N, C-alpha and C. Protein backbone atom coordinates (compact mmCIF):
# COMPACT_ATOMS: atom_id res chain seq x y z
N MET A 1 -11.09 11.59 2.08
CA MET A 1 -10.15 10.85 1.57
C MET A 1 -10.46 10.05 0.13
N ALA A 2 -9.56 9.97 -0.72
CA ALA A 2 -10.07 9.37 -2.04
C ALA A 2 -9.07 8.59 -2.68
N SER A 3 -9.41 7.85 -3.46
CA SER A 3 -8.55 6.86 -4.22
C SER A 3 -8.45 7.03 -5.38
N SER A 4 -7.49 6.39 -6.25
CA SER A 4 -7.75 6.41 -7.87
C SER A 4 -8.73 5.59 -8.11
N LYS A 5 -9.46 5.77 -9.22
CA LYS A 5 -10.29 4.72 -9.89
C LYS A 5 -9.76 3.43 -9.96
N GLY A 6 -10.62 2.19 -9.45
CA GLY A 6 -10.17 1.04 -9.38
C GLY A 6 -8.98 0.72 -8.46
N HIS A 7 -8.38 1.39 -7.88
CA HIS A 7 -7.22 0.91 -7.10
C HIS A 7 -7.90 0.88 -5.42
N LYS A 8 -7.41 0.14 -4.74
CA LYS A 8 -7.74 -0.17 -3.29
C LYS A 8 -6.46 -0.34 -2.41
N ALA A 9 -6.48 -0.47 -1.47
CA ALA A 9 -5.34 -0.38 -0.48
C ALA A 9 -5.50 -1.65 0.47
N CYS A 10 -4.45 -2.50 0.61
CA CYS A 10 -4.78 -3.72 1.51
C CYS A 10 -4.58 -3.20 3.03
N LYS A 11 -5.65 -3.82 3.76
CA LYS A 11 -5.67 -3.46 5.08
C LYS A 11 -4.61 -3.76 6.20
N GLN A 12 -3.97 -5.18 5.45
CA GLN A 12 -2.83 -5.58 6.10
C GLN A 12 -1.50 -4.80 6.05
N CYS A 13 -1.16 -4.67 4.79
CA CYS A 13 0.03 -4.22 4.39
C CYS A 13 0.17 -2.64 3.91
N LYS A 14 -1.06 -2.24 3.53
CA LYS A 14 -1.21 -0.91 2.83
C LYS A 14 -0.83 -0.94 1.56
N SER A 15 -0.50 -1.93 0.72
CA SER A 15 -0.14 -1.93 -0.51
C SER A 15 -1.20 -1.69 -1.53
N ILE A 16 -1.10 -0.64 -2.53
CA ILE A 16 -2.03 -0.14 -3.55
C ILE A 16 -2.12 -1.16 -4.50
N TYR A 17 -3.27 -1.71 -4.78
CA TYR A 17 -3.33 -2.68 -6.05
C TYR A 17 -4.71 -2.47 -6.71
N GLU A 18 -5.02 -3.27 -7.80
CA GLU A 18 -6.05 -3.57 -8.41
C GLU A 18 -6.24 -5.09 -8.43
N GLY A 19 -7.54 -5.40 -8.51
CA GLY A 19 -7.96 -6.95 -8.31
C GLY A 19 -8.57 -7.47 -7.05
N THR A 20 -8.60 -8.58 -6.76
CA THR A 20 -9.19 -9.27 -5.62
C THR A 20 -8.40 -9.42 -4.52
N LYS A 21 -6.90 -9.78 -4.69
CA LYS A 21 -6.12 -9.98 -3.74
C LYS A 21 -4.94 -9.17 -3.62
N CYS A 22 -4.41 -9.12 -2.67
CA CYS A 22 -3.32 -8.20 -2.39
C CYS A 22 -1.97 -8.80 -3.10
N PRO A 23 -1.21 -8.41 -3.95
CA PRO A 23 0.00 -9.07 -4.69
C PRO A 23 1.07 -9.13 -3.71
N GLN A 24 1.14 -8.21 -2.58
CA GLN A 24 2.24 -8.38 -1.64
C GLN A 24 2.17 -9.24 -0.58
N CYS A 25 1.07 -9.45 -0.06
CA CYS A 25 0.85 -10.34 1.09
C CYS A 25 -0.35 -11.33 0.96
N GLY A 26 -1.20 -11.17 0.02
CA GLY A 26 -2.23 -12.10 -0.05
C GLY A 26 -3.39 -11.82 0.59
N HIS A 27 -3.59 -10.95 1.36
CA HIS A 27 -4.81 -10.55 2.03
C HIS A 27 -5.80 -10.11 1.05
N GLU A 28 -7.15 -10.40 1.54
CA GLU A 28 -8.19 -10.02 0.60
C GLU A 28 -9.03 -8.87 1.20
N GLU A 29 -8.87 -8.46 2.34
CA GLU A 29 -9.62 -7.27 2.83
C GLU A 29 -8.83 -5.96 2.52
N PHE A 30 -9.57 -5.00 2.02
CA PHE A 30 -9.19 -3.68 1.44
C PHE A 30 -9.67 -2.69 1.82
N ALA A 31 -9.29 -1.41 1.76
CA ALA A 31 -9.93 0.02 1.94
C ALA A 31 -9.96 0.50 0.63
N GLU A 32 -11.30 1.25 0.17
CA GLU A 32 -11.29 1.82 -1.16
C GLU A 32 -10.98 3.21 -0.92
N ASN A 33 -10.89 3.74 0.37
CA ASN A 33 -10.46 5.03 0.68
C ASN A 33 -9.05 5.10 1.49
N PHE A 34 -8.19 5.81 0.72
CA PHE A 34 -6.73 6.03 1.40
C PHE A 34 -6.35 7.37 0.99
N LYS A 35 -5.38 7.71 1.89
CA LYS A 35 -4.74 9.11 1.63
C LYS A 35 -3.31 9.02 1.55
N GLY A 36 -2.60 9.63 0.33
CA GLY A 36 -1.35 9.71 0.10
C GLY A 36 -0.85 8.20 -0.45
N ARG A 37 0.36 8.41 -1.15
CA ARG A 37 0.88 7.30 -1.72
C ARG A 37 2.49 7.37 -1.51
N VAL A 38 2.91 6.32 -1.31
CA VAL A 38 4.59 6.25 -1.11
C VAL A 38 4.92 5.12 -2.07
N VAL A 39 5.84 5.46 -2.93
CA VAL A 39 6.76 4.55 -3.78
C VAL A 39 8.01 4.07 -3.18
N VAL A 40 8.06 2.85 -3.01
CA VAL A 40 9.21 2.13 -2.45
C VAL A 40 10.06 1.44 -3.64
N LEU A 41 11.28 1.96 -4.00
CA LEU A 41 12.13 1.17 -4.79
C LEU A 41 12.99 0.34 -4.32
N ASP A 42 13.64 0.73 -3.27
CA ASP A 42 14.71 0.20 -2.56
C ASP A 42 14.37 0.13 -0.98
N GLU A 43 13.60 -0.83 -0.51
CA GLU A 43 13.15 -0.99 0.68
C GLU A 43 14.30 -1.11 1.93
N GLU A 44 15.44 -1.46 1.46
CA GLU A 44 16.63 -1.72 2.40
C GLU A 44 17.27 -0.25 2.61
N LYS A 45 17.09 0.59 1.66
CA LYS A 45 18.05 2.08 2.01
C LYS A 45 16.80 3.06 2.37
N SER A 46 15.61 2.61 2.03
CA SER A 46 14.69 3.93 2.23
C SER A 46 14.24 3.97 3.64
N GLU A 47 14.59 5.29 4.03
CA GLU A 47 14.34 5.65 5.44
C GLU A 47 12.54 5.71 5.58
N ILE A 48 11.95 6.06 4.65
CA ILE A 48 10.28 6.12 4.71
C ILE A 48 9.99 4.57 4.75
N ALA A 49 10.60 3.84 3.97
CA ALA A 49 10.10 2.28 4.27
C ALA A 49 10.38 1.72 5.45
N LYS A 50 11.39 2.12 6.08
CA LYS A 50 11.72 1.71 7.60
C LYS A 50 10.59 2.29 8.71
N ASN A 51 10.41 3.59 8.38
CA ASN A 51 9.28 4.16 9.21
C ASN A 51 7.97 3.58 9.16
N LEU A 52 7.49 3.36 8.10
CA LEU A 52 6.35 2.66 7.74
C LEU A 52 6.19 0.97 7.80
N ASN A 53 7.40 0.67 8.25
CA ASN A 53 7.43 -0.91 8.17
C ASN A 53 7.26 -1.46 6.97
N ILE A 54 7.74 -1.15 5.82
CA ILE A 54 7.47 -1.77 4.58
C ILE A 54 8.69 -2.52 4.28
N LYS A 55 8.29 -3.77 3.86
CA LYS A 55 9.34 -4.84 3.72
C LYS A 55 9.82 -5.19 2.15
N LYS A 56 8.67 -4.70 1.35
CA LYS A 56 9.00 -5.20 -0.16
C LYS A 56 8.78 -3.60 -1.08
N LYS A 57 9.53 -3.71 -2.12
CA LYS A 57 9.15 -2.45 -3.03
C LYS A 57 7.84 -2.59 -3.53
N GLY A 58 7.22 -1.52 -3.76
CA GLY A 58 5.72 -1.29 -4.24
C GLY A 58 5.24 -0.02 -4.13
N ILE A 59 4.10 0.31 -4.18
CA ILE A 59 3.11 1.45 -4.04
C ILE A 59 2.33 1.17 -2.67
N TYR A 60 2.49 1.96 -1.64
CA TYR A 60 1.68 1.74 -0.50
C TYR A 60 1.06 3.14 -0.17
N ALA A 61 -0.09 2.97 0.57
CA ALA A 61 -1.14 4.06 0.90
C ALA A 61 -0.46 4.47 2.31
N VAL A 62 -0.47 6.02 2.48
CA VAL A 62 0.14 6.32 3.70
C VAL A 62 -1.01 6.12 4.93
N LYS A 63 -2.22 6.61 4.70
CA LYS A 63 -3.27 6.36 5.59
C LYS A 63 -4.53 5.60 4.81
N LEU A 64 -5.06 4.92 5.58
CA LEU A 64 -6.38 4.09 5.23
C LEU A 64 -7.37 4.84 5.67
N GLY A 65 -8.55 4.91 4.95
CA GLY A 65 -9.79 5.64 5.35
C GLY A 65 -10.84 4.86 6.05
């Protein structure tokens, strides 16, 4: 599994971000290795967001390493 340079995925909500704290949930534990990305633009209409239990728009990892 590989991530993009400088990006990490939150272990709580799987949001992909840069920095020290997740902008989606505020959690500080992260995984540097993740597989796949999902971009959610409309969390209310997205079937993928519903299946992955995503509540906010953003970029998310499919699987954490």
